[in-house]
């Protein structure tokens, strides 16, 4: 929420509403939870590296039934 209210593209109220909506959609991913990458304290380059490594090593693939 801290990050959202500091964004300047939209007003504070809109930013908070968007975050609350996203929270409801993503706070419990059930069986997909192990696929989550916590980027809270990561720089963009570190996040990109982590994603590329998971793709390269075929980790966290979502396989259809």
C-alpha atoms as a PDB file:
ATOM      1  CA  UNK A   1       0.000   0.000   0.000  1.00  0.00           C
ATOM      2  CA  UNK A   2       2.902   2.337   0.796  1.00  0.00           C
ATOM      3  CA  UNK A   3       4.259   2.024  -2.714  1.00  0.00           C
ATOM      4  CA  UNK A   4       0.840   2.490  -4.286  1.00  0.00           C
ATOM      5  CA  UNK A   5      -0.108   5.703  -2.541  1.00  0.00           C
ATOM      6  CA  UNK A   6       3.222   7.211  -3.552  1.00  0.00           C
ATOM      7  CA  UNK A   7       2.618   6.702  -7.259  1.00  0.00           C
ATOM      8  CA  UNK A   8       1.929   9.925  -9.074  1.00  0.00           C
ATOM      9  CA  UNK A   9       0.174   8.668 -12.214  1.00  0.00           C
ATOM     10  CA  UNK A  10      -3.186   8.345 -10.432  1.00  0.00           C
ATOM     11  CA  UNK A  11      -4.627   9.945  -7.320  1.00  0.00           C
ATOM     12  CA  UNK A  12      -4.199   8.358  -3.877  1.00  0.00           C
ATOM     13  CA  UNK A  13      -7.757   7.005  -3.662  1.00  0.00           C
ATOM     14  CA  UNK A  14      -7.596   5.348  -7.067  1.00  0.00           C
ATOM     15  CA  UNK A  15      -4.202   3.834  -6.285  1.00  0.00           C
ATOM     16  CA  UNK A  16      -5.512   2.386  -3.019  1.00  0.00           C
ATOM     17  CA  UNK A  17      -8.600   0.940  -4.719  1.00  0.00           C
ATOM     18  CA  UNK A  18      -6.444  -0.722  -7.373  1.00  0.00           C
ATOM     19  CA  UNK A  19      -4.149  -2.274  -4.785  1.00  0.00           C
ATOM     20  CA  UNK A  20      -7.080  -3.542  -2.746  1.00  0.00           C
ATOM     21  CA  UNK A  21      -8.610  -5.113  -5.865  1.00  0.00           C
ATOM     22  CA  UNK A  22      -5.316  -6.746  -6.809  1.00  0.00           C
ATOM     23  CA  UNK A  23      -4.839  -7.991  -3.240  1.00  0.00           C
ATOM     24  CA  UNK A  24      -8.184  -9.786  -3.392  1.00  0.00           C
ATOM     25  CA  UNK A  25      -7.216 -11.408  -6.699  1.00  0.00           C
ATOM     26  CA  UNK A  26      -3.696 -12.487  -5.749  1.00  0.00           C
ATOM     27  CA  UNK A  27      -3.370 -12.883  -1.955  1.00  0.00           C
ATOM     28  CA  UNK A  28      -4.201 -16.607  -2.059  1.00  0.00           C
ATOM     29  CA  UNK A  29      -2.994 -18.418  -5.147  1.00  0.00           C
ATOM     30  CA  UNK A  30      -3.622 -21.871  -3.734  1.00  0.00           C
ATOM     31  CA  UNK A  31      -1.607 -24.514  -5.560  1.00  0.00           C
ATOM     32  CA  UNK A  32       0.205 -21.817  -7.551  1.00  0.00           C
ATOM     33  CA  UNK A  33       1.649 -20.146  -4.441  1.00  0.00           C
ATOM     34  CA  UNK A  34       5.047 -21.894  -4.824  1.00  0.00           C
ATOM     35  CA  UNK A  35       5.451 -20.099  -8.162  1.00  0.00           C
ATOM     36  CA  UNK A  36       5.445 -16.672  -6.533  1.00  0.00           C
ATOM     37  CA  UNK A  37       8.630 -14.604  -6.590  1.00  0.00           C
ATOM     38  CA  UNK A  38       8.783 -12.091  -3.764  1.00  0.00           C
ATOM     39  CA  UNK A  39      10.211  -8.956  -5.366  1.00  0.00           C
ATOM     40  CA  UNK A  40       9.630  -6.672  -2.399  1.00  0.00           C
ATOM     41  CA  UNK A  41      13.304  -5.909  -1.840  1.00  0.00           C
ATOM     42  CA  UNK A  42      14.561  -6.677  -5.360  1.00  0.00           C
ATOM     43  CA  UNK A  43      15.814  -4.379  -8.045  1.00  0.00           C
ATOM     44  CA  UNK A  44      14.342  -4.815 -11.523  1.00  0.00           C
ATOM     45  CA  UNK A  45      17.508  -6.486 -12.845  1.00  0.00           C
ATOM     46  CA  UNK A  46      17.399  -9.059 -10.035  1.00  0.00           C
ATOM     47  CA  UNK A  47      13.756  -9.835 -10.728  1.00  0.00           C
ATOM     48  CA  UNK A  48      14.413 -10.235 -14.448  1.00  0.00           C
ATOM     49  CA  UNK A  49      17.374 -12.525 -13.714  1.00  0.00           C
ATOM     50  CA  UNK A  50      15.248 -14.683 -11.407  1.00  0.00           C
ATOM     51  CA  UNK A  51      12.486 -15.010 -13.993  1.00  0.00           C
ATOM     52  CA  UNK A  52      14.934 -15.854 -16.780  1.00  0.00           C
ATOM     53  CA  UNK A  53      16.578 -18.507 -14.591  1.00  0.00           C
ATOM     54  CA  UNK A  54      13.219 -20.117 -13.860  1.00  0.00           C
ATOM     55  CA  UNK A  55      12.362 -20.160 -17.559  1.00  0.00           C
ATOM     56  CA  UNK A  56      15.781 -21.528 -18.558  1.00  0.00           C
ATOM     57  CA  UNK A  57      15.653 -24.265 -15.917  1.00  0.00           C
ATOM     58  CA  UNK A  58      11.964 -24.997 -16.585  1.00  0.00           C
ATOM     59  CA  UNK A  59      11.021 -24.263 -12.990  1.00  0.00           C
ATOM     60  CA  UNK A  60       7.426 -23.325 -12.100  1.00  0.00           C
ATOM     61  CA  UNK A  61       5.940 -24.373 -15.409  1.00  0.00           C
ATOM     62  CA  UNK A  62       2.165 -24.274 -15.513  1.00  0.00           C
ATOM     63  CA  UNK A  63       1.063 -27.446 -17.250  1.00  0.00           C
ATOM     64  CA  UNK A  64      -2.466 -27.854 -18.531  1.00  0.00           C
ATOM     65  CA  UNK A  65      -4.412 -31.017 -17.915  1.00  0.00           C
END
